[in-house]
Amino acid sequence: MMMRYVAVTLTALALLGGCQKKDDPSEAGPAERAGRKIDQATEQAGAKLDSATQQASQQLSEAAKDTSQKLDQAADKASDSLNQATKEAGRKLERAGEKMQSAAEEREAKK
């Protein structure tokens, strides 16, 4: 049992010994090299994320402009349709008024 503790302790010391920082950066230990690779990967991932965010933002902005233009066109169409309907209703009312006036004149003439 004691032999296991000694073996585990020696293994841990050996691993920790590999993590010592050297004075010369070119002689970095395995943990230091792994840390640098992790830092590089993190920076690359961050750059890609920034790029994707900008691209998504641009696409969203373009989609919003397109939607706004389509809404403006739809509003213009609706406005034109409403104007036409209003004119038609005005003409019908005018004709109805003329008929009423004509009927009233006929009644007055019969008296």
C-alpha atoms as a PDB file:
ATOM      1  CA  MET A   1       0.000   0.000   0.000  1.00  0.00           C
ATOM      2  CA  MET A   2       2.795   2.368   0.889  1.00  0.00           C
ATOM      3  CA  MET A   3       4.443   1.531  -2.402  1.00  0.00           C
ATOM      4  CA  ARG A   4       1.402   2.873  -4.290  1.00  0.00           C
ATOM      5  CA  TYR A   5       1.573   6.224  -2.504  1.00  0.00           C
ATOM      6  CA  VAL A   6       5.262   6.490  -3.315  1.00  0.00           C
ATOM      7  CA  ALA A   7       4.599   5.653  -6.985  1.00  0.00           C
ATOM      8  CA  VAL A   8       1.742   8.159  -7.215  1.00  0.00           C
ATOM      9  CA  THR A   9       3.843  10.847  -5.531  1.00  0.00           C
ATOM     10  CA  LEU A  10       6.812  10.251  -7.864  1.00  0.00           C
ATOM     11  CA  THR A  11       4.548  10.344 -10.904  1.00  0.00           C
ATOM     12  CA  ALA A  12       2.968  13.614  -9.750  1.00  0.00           C
ATOM     13  CA  LEU A  13       6.418  15.133  -9.136  1.00  0.00           C
ATOM     14  CA  ALA A  14       7.575  14.033 -12.577  1.00  0.00           C
ATOM     15  CA  LEU A  15       4.539  15.614 -14.219  1.00  0.00           C
ATOM     16  CA  LEU A  16       4.925  18.808 -12.242  1.00  0.00           C
ATOM     17  CA  GLY A  17       8.602  18.895 -13.113  1.00  0.00           C
ATOM     18  CA  GLY A  18       7.617  19.003 -16.786  1.00  0.00           C
ATOM     19  CA  CYS A  19       5.519  22.090 -16.100  1.00  0.00           C
ATOM     20  CA  GLN A  20       8.386  24.190 -14.779  1.00  0.00           C
ATOM     21  CA  LYS A  21       8.835  27.435 -16.607  1.00  0.00           C
ATOM     22  CA  LYS A  22      12.175  27.707 -18.330  1.00  0.00           C
ATOM     23  CA  ASP A  23      14.127  30.928 -18.623  1.00  0.00           C
ATOM     24  CA  ASP A  24      14.342  30.477 -22.380  1.00  0.00           C
ATOM     25  CA  PRO A  25      10.889  30.633 -24.008  1.00  0.00           C
ATOM     26  CA  SER A  26      11.996  28.296 -26.782  1.00  0.00           C
ATOM     27  CA  GLU A  27      12.491  25.625 -24.136  1.00  0.00           C
ATOM     28  CA  ALA A  28       8.940  25.831 -22.825  1.00  0.00           C
ATOM     29  CA  GLY A  29       7.605  22.801 -21.078  1.00  0.00           C
ATOM     30  CA  PRO A  30       4.659  20.744 -22.303  1.00  0.00           C
ATOM     31  CA  ALA A  31       2.122  22.582 -20.161  1.00  0.00           C
ATOM     32  CA  GLU A  32       3.412  25.945 -21.386  1.00  0.00           C
ATOM     33  CA  ARG A  33       3.222  24.824 -25.022  1.00  0.00           C
ATOM     34  CA  ALA A  34      -0.278  23.456 -24.460  1.00  0.00           C
ATOM     35  CA  GLY A  35      -1.307  26.733 -22.821  1.00  0.00           C
ATOM     36  CA  ARG A  36       0.000  28.690 -25.798  1.00  0.00           C
ATOM     37  CA  LYS A  37      -1.926  26.462 -28.196  1.00  0.00           C
ATOM     38  CA  ILE A  38      -5.064  26.947 -26.133  1.00  0.00           C
ATOM     39  CA  ASP A  39      -4.515  30.729 -26.203  1.00  0.00           C
ATOM     40  CA  GLN A  40      -4.094  30.667 -29.985  1.00  0.00           C
ATOM     41  CA  ALA A  41      -7.199  28.532 -30.440  1.00  0.00           C
ATOM     42  CA  THR A  42      -9.171  30.881 -28.184  1.00  0.00           C
ATOM     43  CA  GLU A  43      -8.034  33.925 -30.161  1.00  0.00           C
ATOM     44  CA  GLN A  44      -8.916  32.259 -33.454  1.00  0.00           C
ATOM     45  CA  ALA A  45     -12.335  31.221 -32.151  1.00  0.00           C
ATOM     46  CA  GLY A  46     -12.926  34.768 -30.897  1.00  0.00           C
ATOM     47  CA  ALA A  47     -11.998  36.236 -34.285  1.00  0.00           C
ATOM     48  CA  LYS A  48     -14.300  33.809 -36.072  1.00  0.00           C
ATOM     49  CA  LEU A  49     -17.105  34.620 -33.647  1.00  0.00           C
ATOM     50  CA  ASP A  50     -16.623  38.361 -34.212  1.00  0.00           C
ATOM     51  CA  SER A  51     -16.679  37.833 -37.969  1.00  0.00           C
ATOM     52  CA  ALA A  52     -19.821  35.693 -37.777  1.00  0.00           C
ATOM     53  CA  THR A  53     -21.494  38.281 -35.526  1.00  0.00           C
ATOM     54  CA  GLN A  54     -20.706  41.090 -37.963  1.00  0.00           C
ATOM     55  CA  GLN A  55     -21.954  39.045 -40.899  1.00  0.00           C
ATOM     56  CA  ALA A  56     -25.179  38.145 -39.089  1.00  0.00           C
ATOM     57  CA  SER A  57     -25.693  41.775 -38.124  1.00  0.00           C
ATOM     58  CA  GLN A  58     -25.216  42.875 -41.726  1.00  0.00           C
ATOM     59  CA  GLN A  59     -27.643  40.240 -42.998  1.00  0.00           C
ATOM     60  CA  LEU A  60     -30.197  41.249 -40.383  1.00  0.00           C
ATOM     61  CA  SER A  61     -29.833  44.890 -41.371  1.00  0.00           C
ATOM     62  CA  GLU A  62     -30.330  44.041 -45.052  1.00  0.00           C
ATOM     63  CA  ALA A  63     -33.368  41.916 -44.233  1.00  0.00           C
ATOM     64  CA  ALA A  64     -34.829  44.780 -42.180  1.00  0.00           C
ATOM     65  CA  LYS A  65     -34.334  47.198 -45.091  1.00  0.00           C
ATOM     66  CA  ASP A  66     -35.968  44.760 -47.498  1.00  0.00           C
ATOM     67  CA  THR A  67     -38.900  44.233 -45.144  1.00  0.00           C
ATOM     68  CA  SER A  68     -39.281  47.982 -44.684  1.00  0.00           C
ATOM     69  CA  GLN A  69     -39.369  48.513 -48.454  1.00  0.00           C
ATOM     70  CA  LYS A  70     -41.964  45.776 -48.888  1.00  0.00           C
ATOM     71  CA  LEU A  71     -44.098  47.272 -46.126  1.00  0.00           C
ATOM     72  CA  ASP A  72     -43.861  50.695 -47.768  1.00  0.00           C
ATOM     73  CA  GLN A  73     -44.940  49.211 -51.096  1.00  0.00           C
ATOM     74  CA  ALA A  74     -47.844  47.394 -49.453  1.00  0.00           C
ATOM     75  CA  ALA A  75     -48.906  50.603 -47.697  1.00  0.00           C
ATOM     76  CA  ASP A  76     -48.760  52.499 -50.989  1.00  0.00           C
ATOM     77  CA  LYS A  77     -50.901  49.830 -52.676  1.00  0.00           C
ATOM     78  CA  ALA A  78     -53.399  49.904 -49.825  1.00  0.00           C
ATOM     79  CA  SER A  79     -53.514  53.691 -50.003  1.00  0.00           C
ATOM     80  CA  ASP A  80     -54.143  53.591 -53.752  1.00  0.00           C
ATOM     81  CA  SER A  81     -56.893  51.002 -53.292  1.00  0.00           C
ATOM     82  CA  LEU A  82     -58.491  53.090 -50.577  1.00  0.00           C
ATOM     83  CA  ASN A  83     -58.348  56.189 -52.766  1.00  0.00           C
ATOM     84  CA  GLN A  84     -60.008  54.308 -55.638  1.00  0.00           C
ATOM     85  CA  ALA A  85     -62.713  52.956 -53.326  1.00  0.00           C
ATOM     86  CA  THR A  86     -63.307  56.434 -51.915  1.00  0.00           C
ATOM     87  CA  LYS A  87     -63.646  57.922 -55.414  1.00  0.00           C
ATOM     88  CA  GLU A  88     -66.048  55.159 -56.470  1.00  0.00           C
ATOM     89  CA  ALA A  89     -68.126  55.648 -53.324  1.00  0.00           C
ATOM     90  CA  GLY A  90     -68.195  59.388 -54.037  1.00  0.00           C
ATOM     91  CA  ARG A  91     -69.430  58.799 -57.587  1.00  0.00           C
ATOM     92  CA  LYS A  92     -72.188  56.465 -56.372  1.00  0.00           C
ATOM     93  CA  LEU A  93     -73.269  58.963 -53.735  1.00  0.00           C
ATOM     94  CA  GLU A  94     -73.307  61.697 -56.325  1.00  0.00           C
ATOM     95  CA  ARG A  95     -75.486  59.598 -58.656  1.00  0.00           C
ATOM     96  CA  ALA A  96     -77.808  58.734 -55.775  1.00  0.00           C
ATOM     97  CA  GLY A  97     -78.059  62.434 -54.920  1.00  0.00           C
ATOM     98  CA  GLU A  98     -78.857  63.288 -58.518  1.00  0.00           C
ATOM     99  CA  LYS A  99     -81.593  60.624 -58.607  1.00  0.00           C
ATOM    100  CA  MET A 100     -83.048  61.950 -55.364  1.00  0.00           C
ATOM    101  CA  GLN A 101     -82.998  65.480 -56.706  1.00  0.00           C
ATOM    102  CA  SER A 102     -84.596  64.366 -59.969  1.00  0.00           C
ATOM    103  CA  ALA A 103     -87.321  62.481 -58.080  1.00  0.00           C
ATOM    104  CA  ALA A 104     -87.971  65.514 -55.904  1.00  0.00           C
ATOM    105  CA  GLU A 105     -88.267  67.762 -58.985  1.00  0.00           C
ATOM    106  CA  GLU A 106     -90.737  65.317 -60.565  1.00  0.00           C
ATOM    107  CA  ARG A 107     -92.861  65.362 -57.408  1.00  0.00           C
ATOM    108  CA  GLU A 108     -92.860  69.152 -57.375  1.00  0.00           C
ATOM    109  CA  ALA A 109     -93.860  69.259 -61.041  1.00  0.00           C
ATOM    110  CA  LYS A 110     -96.850  66.938 -60.411  1.00  0.00           C
ATOM    111  CA  LYS A 111     -98.274  69.203 -57.748  1.00  0.00           C
END
